[in-house]
C-alpha cells in the first residue's frame, strides 16, 4: 500500500508522539511505501530544531520524495480551483501533497483532515490526539 505523508505526521514522529511513532512502525512492518512532495520535505527541514538533524535525516530517508514540475503544479492548481471557496485553509503545500496522493493512488496521512475533506471525502486522522 502507498501512503502520502504530510508534514503534520512527520513532525509528530520527530516529536516522539507515541501514536505517530506506532503508526510509522506498523507501516514499516507492512512494508508500506511512503511518498510525499519535496514541498513537505522543505517544511520539515525548515522546522528542524538544534540537535534533530540526524533523526530528521533518518526519517526523511523513509520517504520517496516527488518533485514539483509543471505537470504537478498544473494538477495542484486544478485541485485548488475545484475546491475554491469550499476550504479556505488549503494552501499551496496542501494542494501539492493532495496532487501527489491522487497521482500515486496513495492514502493521505495527515492530522489536518479538515483541510482535505473536499478532495478526499472519507479522510480520517491516522491516530487520535
Protein backbone atom coordinates (compact mmCIF):
# COMPACT_ATOMS: atom_id res chain seq x y z
CA UNK A 1 0.00 0.00 0.00
CA UNK A 2 1.13 3.56 -0.72
CA UNK A 3 0.69 6.45 1.68
CA UNK A 4 1.23 10.13 1.03
CA UNK A 5 2.59 11.57 4.26
CA UNK A 6 2.04 15.13 5.43
CA UNK A 7 4.29 17.40 7.46
CA UNK A 8 1.99 17.09 10.48
CA UNK A 9 2.61 13.34 10.79
CA UNK A 10 6.35 13.63 10.21
CA UNK A 11 6.63 16.34 12.87
CA UNK A 12 4.64 14.19 15.32
CA UNK A 13 7.12 11.35 14.72
CA UNK A 14 10.07 13.68 15.26
CA UNK A 15 8.48 14.96 18.49
CA UNK A 16 8.07 11.30 19.52
CA UNK A 17 4.29 11.48 19.79
CA UNK A 18 3.61 7.83 20.58
CA UNK A 19 0.60 7.26 18.24
CA UNK A 20 2.55 8.71 15.29
CA UNK A 21 5.61 6.59 16.05
CA UNK A 22 3.43 3.48 16.35
CA UNK A 23 1.77 4.30 13.03
CA UNK A 24 5.14 4.55 11.31
CA UNK A 25 6.27 1.29 12.93
CA UNK A 26 3.12 -0.51 11.67
CA UNK A 27 3.64 0.85 8.17
CA UNK A 28 7.26 -0.31 8.21
CA UNK A 29 6.16 -3.80 9.29
CA UNK A 30 3.71 -3.84 6.38
CA UNK A 31 6.46 -2.65 4.04
CA UNK A 32 4.20 0.22 3.02
CA UNK A 33 5.57 2.81 0.62
CA UNK A 34 5.65 6.40 1.83
CA UNK A 35 5.58 9.20 -0.74
CA UNK A 36 5.39 12.94 -0.46
CA UNK A 37 6.17 16.20 -2.18
CA UNK A 38 9.51 17.95 -1.91
CA UNK A 39 7.48 20.86 -0.54
CA UNK A 40 6.67 18.76 2.55
CA UNK A 41 10.37 17.92 2.88
CA UNK A 42 11.12 21.65 2.85
CA UNK A 43 8.55 22.27 5.59
CA UNK A 44 10.09 19.57 7.79
CA UNK A 45 13.64 20.81 7.24
CA UNK A 46 12.69 24.42 7.91
CA UNK A 47 11.26 23.44 11.30
CA UNK A 48 14.19 21.24 12.31
CA UNK A 49 15.44 22.05 15.80
CA UNK A 50 19.01 22.06 17.06
CA UNK A 51 20.17 18.50 17.66
CA UNK A 52 17.47 16.96 15.45
CA UNK A 53 19.39 16.69 12.21
CA UNK A 54 20.38 13.02 12.49
CA UNK A 55 16.86 11.87 13.40
CA UNK A 56 15.24 14.14 10.84
CA UNK A 57 17.52 12.94 8.04
CA UNK A 58 16.88 9.30 9.00
CA UNK A 59 13.12 9.87 8.93
CA UNK A 60 13.27 11.66 5.58
CA UNK A 61 15.13 8.66 4.11
CA UNK A 62 11.98 6.55 4.62
CA UNK A 63 10.01 8.66 2.12
CA UNK A 64 10.11 8.74 -1.66
CA UNK A 65 10.22 12.46 -2.45
CA UNK A 66 8.47 13.54 -5.62
CA UNK A 67 9.43 16.71 -7.45
CA UNK A 68 7.16 19.57 -8.34
CA UNK A 69 7.32 20.46 -12.00
CA UNK A 70 4.91 21.95 -14.49
CA UNK A 71 2.54 18.93 -14.70
CA UNK A 72 2.33 18.65 -10.91
CA UNK A 73 1.74 22.37 -10.41
CA UNK A 74 -0.95 22.35 -13.12
CA UNK A 75 -2.73 19.42 -11.44
CA UNK A 76 -2.44 21.00 -7.98
CA UNK A 77 -3.77 24.28 -9.37
CA UNK A 78 -6.75 22.43 -10.84
CA UNK A 79 -7.43 20.90 -7.41
CA UNK A 80 -7.33 24.37 -5.89
CA UNK A 81 -9.84 25.69 -8.42
CA UNK A 82 -12.09 22.69 -7.87
CA UNK A 83 -12.09 23.34 -4.13
CA UNK A 84 -12.11 27.14 -4.27
CA UNK A 85 -14.39 28.57 -1.62
CA UNK A 86 -15.06 25.19 -0.06
CA UNK A 87 -11.98 25.22 2.11
CA UNK A 88 -10.11 28.41 2.86
CA UNK A 89 -7.42 26.51 4.82
CA UNK A 90 -5.99 24.69 1.80
CA UNK A 91 -2.65 26.25 0.90
CA UNK A 92 -0.09 25.54 -1.82
CA UNK A 93 1.81 22.81 0.10
CA UNK A 94 -1.52 21.10 0.85
CA UNK A 95 -2.52 21.20 -2.82
CA UNK A 96 0.82 19.78 -3.91
CA UNK A 97 0.56 16.97 -1.37
CA UNK A 98 -3.02 16.22 -2.45
CA UNK A 99 -1.78 16.06 -6.05
CA UNK A 100 0.86 13.50 -5.01
CA UNK A 101 -1.75 11.40 -3.20
CA UNK A 102 -4.11 11.44 -6.18
CA UNK A 103 -1.42 10.75 -8.77
CA UNK A 104 0.16 7.94 -6.74
CA UNK A 105 -3.17 6.38 -5.71
CA UNK A 106 -1.98 6.81 -2.13
CA UNK A 107 -3.94 7.21 1.07
CA UNK A 108 -3.23 10.60 2.62
CA UNK A 109 -1.82 10.58 6.16
CA UNK A 110 -2.41 13.94 7.82
CA UNK A 111 -3.71 15.29 11.09
CA UNK A 112 -5.18 18.27 9.23
CA UNK A 113 -8.16 16.35 7.88
CA UNK A 114 -10.50 19.37 7.76
CA UNK A 115 -8.34 20.96 5.08
CA UNK A 116 -8.54 17.93 2.82
CA UNK A 117 -12.20 16.84 3.15
CA UNK A 118 -13.26 18.46 -0.12
CA UNK A 119 -10.64 16.49 -2.04
CA UNK A 120 -10.75 13.26 -0.03
CA UNK A 121 -14.32 12.95 1.35
CA UNK A 122 -13.76 9.98 3.68
CA UNK A 123 -10.46 11.14 5.14
CA UNK A 124 -9.78 10.45 8.81
CA UNK A 125 -6.89 11.25 11.10
CA UNK A 126 -4.39 8.36 11.21
CA UNK A 127 -4.29 8.46 15.02
CA UNK A 128 -6.08 10.27 17.86
CA UNK A 129 -4.94 13.48 19.51
